[in-house]
Protein backbone atom coordinates (compact mmCIF):
# COMPACT_ATOMS: atom_id res chain seq x y z
CA MET A 1 -177.50 52.18 -38.76
CA SER A 2 -179.69 49.10 -39.18
CA ASP A 3 -178.33 46.09 -41.01
CA THR A 4 -181.28 46.25 -43.42
CA LEU A 5 -180.55 49.83 -44.44
CA LEU A 6 -176.85 49.07 -44.89
CA ALA A 7 -177.65 45.97 -46.96
CA GLU A 8 -179.96 48.00 -49.21
CA PHE A 9 -177.23 50.59 -49.63
CA GLU A 10 -174.62 47.97 -50.54
CA ALA A 11 -176.99 46.62 -53.20
CA LEU A 12 -176.93 49.94 -55.07
CA GLU A 13 -175.05 50.37 -58.32
CA PRO A 14 -171.74 52.31 -58.12
CA PRO A 15 -173.17 55.38 -59.93
CA GLU A 16 -176.03 55.51 -57.44
CA LYS A 17 -173.59 55.41 -54.54
CA ALA A 18 -171.64 58.18 -56.22
CA ILE A 19 -174.76 60.37 -56.31
CA LEU A 20 -175.25 59.81 -52.58
CA ALA A 21 -171.59 60.61 -51.95
CA LEU A 22 -171.97 63.86 -53.89
CA LEU A 23 -175.05 64.86 -51.89
CA SER A 24 -173.29 63.91 -48.64
CA LEU A 25 -170.24 66.03 -49.40
CA VAL A 26 -172.25 69.06 -50.47
CA GLY A 27 -174.65 68.81 -47.55
CA ASP A 28 -177.04 71.43 -48.91
CA PRO A 29 -179.91 70.38 -51.21
CA ILE A 30 -178.92 70.57 -54.87
CA GLY A 31 -181.09 70.29 -57.97
CA ARG A 32 -181.09 67.79 -60.81
CA THR A 33 -179.19 70.09 -63.19
CA ALA A 34 -176.45 70.77 -60.65
CA ILE A 35 -176.12 67.04 -59.91
CA LEU A 36 -175.80 66.32 -63.62
CA ASP A 37 -173.13 68.99 -64.10
CA LEU A 38 -171.14 67.72 -61.13
CA MET A 39 -171.36 64.07 -62.17
CA VAL A 40 -170.15 64.91 -65.68
CA ALA A 41 -167.36 67.15 -64.36
CA ALA A 42 -166.23 64.39 -61.99
CA GLY A 43 -166.10 61.88 -64.85
CA ILE A 44 -168.60 59.53 -63.21
CA ARG A 45 -170.44 57.32 -65.72
CA ASP A 46 -173.80 55.58 -65.61
CA THR A 47 -174.40 51.84 -65.42
CA ASN A 48 -173.80 51.54 -69.19
CA ASP A 49 -170.38 53.17 -68.83
CA GLN A 50 -171.57 56.29 -70.61
CA PRO A 51 -171.48 59.91 -69.40
CA PHE A 52 -174.64 60.88 -67.53
CA THR A 53 -177.36 62.72 -69.44
CA THR A 54 -180.64 64.25 -68.33
CA MET A 55 -182.48 61.06 -69.24
CA THR A 56 -180.06 58.58 -67.68
CA LEU A 57 -179.90 60.57 -64.43
CA ASP A 58 -183.65 60.48 -63.82
CA ASP A 59 -183.88 56.76 -63.09
CA PRO A 60 -181.25 56.62 -60.30
CA LEU A 61 -182.66 59.80 -58.71
CA LEU A 62 -186.16 58.34 -58.68
CA LYS A 63 -184.86 55.05 -57.29
CA LEU A 64 -182.94 56.74 -54.48
CA GLU A 65 -185.96 58.84 -53.56
CA ARG A 66 -188.25 55.79 -53.62
CA LEU A 67 -185.91 53.96 -51.24
CA ALA A 68 -185.87 57.03 -48.95
CA PHE A 69 -182.12 57.34 -49.45
CA THR A 70 -182.69 60.91 -50.61
CA THR A 71 -185.35 63.52 -49.91
CA ALA A 72 -186.56 66.13 -52.38
CA VAL A 73 -186.75 69.54 -50.71
CA MET A 74 -189.37 71.65 -52.44
CA GLY A 75 -187.81 74.31 -54.63
CA ARG A 76 -184.24 73.43 -53.63
CA GLY A 77 -183.27 69.92 -54.67
CA TYR A 78 -182.16 66.59 -53.23
CA VAL A 79 -180.50 65.88 -49.92
CA CYS A 80 -179.00 62.59 -48.72
CA ASN A 81 -180.41 60.57 -45.82
CA ALA A 82 -178.24 61.53 -42.82
CA ARG A 83 -177.69 57.89 -41.84
CA LEU A 84 -176.16 57.15 -45.25
CA ARG A 85 -173.73 60.06 -45.43
CA TRP A 86 -170.72 58.23 -44.05
CA PRO A 87 -171.37 54.93 -45.94
CA ALA A 88 -171.69 56.94 -49.15
CA ILE A 89 -168.46 58.88 -48.55
CA ARG A 90 -166.70 55.65 -47.58
CA ALA A 91 -167.89 54.03 -50.81
CA ALA A 92 -166.56 57.01 -52.79
CA ILE A 93 -163.19 56.60 -51.08
CA GLY A 94 -163.16 52.90 -51.94
CA ALA A 95 -163.98 53.68 -55.58
CA HIS A 96 -161.28 56.42 -55.69
CA LEU A 97 -163.92 59.04 -56.49
CA LEU A 98 -163.67 61.32 -53.48
CA ASP A 99 -161.02 63.60 -54.96
CA ASP A 100 -162.77 63.71 -58.34
CA ILE A 101 -166.09 64.75 -56.79
CA CYS A 102 -164.46 67.42 -54.63
CA LYS A 103 -162.46 68.86 -57.51
CA ALA A 104 -165.59 68.98 -59.68
CA TYR A 105 -167.47 70.89 -56.97
CA GLU A 106 -164.56 73.29 -56.46
CA SER A 107 -164.30 74.01 -60.19
CA LEU A 108 -168.03 74.57 -60.69
CA ASN A 109 -168.54 76.43 -57.40
CA PRO A 110 -165.44 78.56 -56.92
CA MET A 111 -165.02 80.73 -53.86
CA ARG A 112 -164.00 84.27 -54.61
CA GLN A 113 -161.35 86.15 -52.65
CA ASN A 114 -161.49 89.74 -51.43
CA TRP A 115 -158.80 92.40 -51.65
CA ASN A 116 -156.66 90.82 -48.88
CA GLY A 117 -157.00 87.26 -50.14
CA ALA A 118 -159.66 86.08 -47.68
CA TYR A 119 -162.27 83.67 -49.03
CA GLU A 120 -165.86 84.86 -49.45
CA PRO A 121 -168.33 81.99 -49.92
CA ARG A 122 -171.60 82.57 -51.74
CA SER A 123 -173.40 81.32 -48.64
CA TYR A 124 -172.63 79.72 -45.30
CA ARG A 125 -173.53 76.25 -46.62
CA HIS A 126 -171.20 76.77 -49.59
CA GLY A 127 -168.36 77.52 -47.19
CA VAL A 128 -169.18 74.50 -45.02
CA ALA A 129 -169.24 72.24 -48.09
CA ARG A 130 -165.76 73.40 -49.11
CA LEU A 131 -164.54 73.01 -45.52
CA ARG A 132 -165.99 69.49 -45.31
CA MET A 133 -164.29 68.45 -48.53
CA ALA A 134 -160.95 69.85 -47.42
CA MET A 135 -161.02 68.14 -44.03
CA LEU A 136 -162.18 64.76 -45.33
CA ARG A 137 -159.35 64.77 -47.85
CA GLY A 138 -156.83 65.32 -45.06
CA ARG A 139 -155.80 68.78 -46.17
CA PRO A 140 -153.15 70.47 -43.95
CA PRO A 141 -154.01 73.40 -41.65
CA GLN A 142 -152.81 76.01 -44.14
CA ASP A 143 -155.53 74.85 -46.55
CA VAL A 144 -158.24 74.36 -43.94
CA MET A 145 -157.88 77.53 -41.88
CA PRO A 146 -158.84 80.05 -44.62
CA LEU A 147 -162.00 78.05 -45.31
CA LEU A 148 -162.82 77.87 -41.61
CA ALA A 149 -162.27 81.61 -41.24
CA ALA A 150 -164.67 82.23 -44.14
CA CYS A 151 -167.35 80.18 -42.37
CA MET A 152 -166.79 81.77 -38.96
CA VAL A 153 -167.71 85.28 -40.18
CA CYS A 154 -171.24 84.05 -40.99
CA TYR A 155 -173.88 84.46 -38.30
CA GLU A 156 -174.85 80.78 -38.58
CA ALA A 157 -171.49 79.83 -37.06
CA ALA A 158 -172.52 81.49 -33.80
CA GLN A 159 -175.38 78.98 -33.50
CA LEU A 160 -173.33 75.87 -34.28
CA HIS A 161 -169.61 75.70 -34.96
CA PRO A 162 -169.05 74.51 -38.58
CA ILE A 163 -166.62 71.81 -37.42
CA VAL A 164 -169.27 70.45 -35.06
CA ASP A 165 -171.84 70.67 -37.85
CA ILE A 166 -169.62 68.56 -40.11
CA PHE A 167 -168.58 65.87 -37.64
CA SER A 168 -171.65 65.46 -35.43
CA ARG A 169 -174.46 65.27 -38.00
CA PRO A 170 -174.18 62.32 -37.48
CA PHE A 171 -171.06 61.47 -35.49
CA GLU A 172 -168.89 58.90 -37.27
CA ALA A 173 -165.46 57.91 -35.95
CA GLY A 174 -164.29 57.00 -39.45
CA MET A 175 -164.70 60.59 -40.62
CA LEU A 176 -162.42 61.89 -37.87
CA LEU A 177 -159.69 59.49 -38.93
CA LEU A 178 -159.59 61.19 -42.34
CA VAL A 179 -158.72 64.58 -40.82
CA HIS A 180 -155.11 65.75 -41.01
CA PRO A 181 -153.22 64.62 -37.86
CA ALA A 182 -152.39 68.23 -36.96
CA LEU A 183 -156.13 69.00 -36.68
CA GLN A 184 -157.55 65.84 -35.10
CA ASP A 185 -157.07 66.91 -31.48
CA ASP A 186 -158.67 70.29 -32.16
CA VAL A 187 -161.70 68.74 -33.85
CA LEU A 188 -162.12 66.32 -30.97
CA MET A 189 -161.84 69.14 -28.43
CA LEU A 190 -164.70 70.99 -30.13
CA LEU A 191 -166.84 67.85 -30.15
CA VAL A 192 -166.13 67.15 -26.49
CA GLN A 193 -167.20 70.68 -25.57
CA HIS A 194 -170.31 70.41 -27.74
CA THR A 195 -171.53 67.49 -25.65
CA GLN A 196 -172.58 70.05 -23.03
CA ARG A 197 -175.27 71.17 -25.48
CA GLU A 198 -176.04 67.71 -26.88
CA PRO A 199 -175.66 65.15 -24.07
CA ALA A 200 -176.89 62.30 -26.26
CA LEU A 201 -173.65 62.62 -28.24
CA ALA A 202 -171.47 62.21 -25.14
CA PRO A 203 -171.15 58.36 -25.11
CA LEU A 204 -170.01 58.26 -28.73
CA VAL A 205 -167.54 61.10 -28.33
CA ARG A 206 -166.24 59.68 -25.06
CA GLY A 207 -165.60 56.28 -26.64
CA TYR A 208 -163.73 57.82 -29.55
CA ALA A 209 -161.74 60.15 -27.27
CA GLU A 210 -160.57 57.21 -25.16
CA ARG A 211 -159.47 55.25 -28.24
CA HIS A 212 -157.82 58.33 -29.70
CA LEU A 213 -155.79 58.90 -26.55
CA GLN A 214 -154.76 55.26 -26.46
CA ARG A 215 -153.50 55.53 -30.03
CA ARG A 216 -151.55 58.67 -29.22
CA GLN A 217 -149.99 57.12 -26.14
CA ALA A 218 -149.06 54.00 -28.09
CA ALA A 219 -147.40 56.12 -30.75
CA ASP A 220 -145.62 58.11 -28.02
CA ARG A 221 -146.17 61.37 -29.83
CA LYS A 222 -144.82 64.59 -28.45
CA SER A 223 -147.31 66.84 -26.70
CA VAL A 224 -147.94 70.36 -27.93
CA PRO A 225 -149.04 72.91 -25.27
CA HIS A 226 -152.50 74.39 -25.79
CA CYS A 227 -152.67 78.13 -26.32
CA GLY A 228 -155.38 78.59 -23.68
CA TRP A 229 -157.63 80.73 -25.87
CA PRO A 230 -161.41 80.39 -25.38
CA TRP A 231 -163.26 78.43 -28.05
CA ARG A 232 -165.82 80.17 -30.23
CA SER A 233 -168.31 77.29 -30.00
CA THR A 234 -168.96 77.81 -26.29
CA PRO A 235 -168.52 80.65 -23.79
CA SER A 236 -166.59 78.42 -21.41
CA CYS A 237 -162.80 78.28 -21.56
CA ALA A 238 -161.08 75.35 -23.22
CA ALA A 239 -159.32 74.66 -19.93
CA SER A 240 -162.65 73.75 -18.28
CA TRP A 241 -163.85 70.19 -17.93
CA PRO A 242 -166.84 69.99 -20.30
CA MET A 243 -167.82 66.34 -20.10
CA PRO A 244 -167.86 64.61 -16.71
CA CYS A 245 -168.28 61.21 -18.35
CA LEU A 246 -164.73 61.62 -19.70
CA SER A 247 -162.21 61.23 -16.91
CA TRP A 248 -160.25 64.28 -15.81
CA LYS A 249 -157.01 62.48 -16.61
CA ASP A 250 -158.10 61.75 -20.19
CA TRP A 251 -159.40 65.28 -20.67
CA MET A 252 -156.13 66.84 -19.53
CA GLU A 253 -154.19 64.46 -21.79
CA LEU A 254 -156.33 65.51 -24.74
CA ARG A 255 -155.90 69.17 -23.82
CA ARG A 256 -152.12 68.83 -23.63
CA ASN A 257 -151.99 67.18 -27.05
CA ALA A 258 -154.18 69.80 -28.75
CA SER A 259 -152.52 72.32 -30.99
CA PRO A 260 -153.55 76.00 -31.10
CA VAL A 261 -154.64 75.79 -34.73
CA LEU A 262 -158.43 75.84 -34.50
CA CYS A 263 -158.87 77.54 -31.14
CA CYS A 264 -156.68 80.53 -32.00
CA CYS A 265 -158.49 80.99 -35.29
CA CYS A 266 -161.89 80.86 -33.63
CA ALA A 267 -160.86 83.15 -30.78
CA ALA A 268 -159.43 85.71 -33.17
CA MET A 269 -162.75 86.18 -34.96
């Protein structure tokens, strides 16, 4: 991200950053009415410290669109500039608004359950939004896995794994650090394998993987054997070496530290 774009973002008012954080967490375009409902439900106030109304929401939305921080998708709503997603989420974390925004979305957009308790999202993007919010809040595997399973039954997941969709559009190391420790190795494994399809992502993933392994070695954590199941995101086995730019030694270390949480779920679909 350019320094100019970041400086312009930092100059925004807190409510305007909150709108960008909301759009970043949802991912899918959402309309003005839905934004208003979510902002009110989250308890976010305007610059005058009053609850948002239809009139007071128009000005920040117009400003964000004028600055090209958001884009209006015809007939669907607003979507956040991809380069500002992580800064917006980071600003929400700093303002202690992340949990409020996620809870507001969950209450206004509930996910129904079928006869055996499995989640059924209204759409694939709805499921991915709930999965993104759970992972960025550091939810444990027992909370994340049902949401991931709900996404994996959608045909869109065969084109791009939802975990890869969340953490590579764009890739930000800070987002991975928010994931629950029991899931970090599995997320990184999926990203490393995805670099076969998107080579331009390889240098960023390689740099993070090296730092991640150094942190694990410094902490002297115990290794957990990998289950050996194939990963849904690629036809190749997880035991293969997907990224030559990452040394074989580092890849095997990452593989040994990975838990069977995500791979078993994906393979079982």
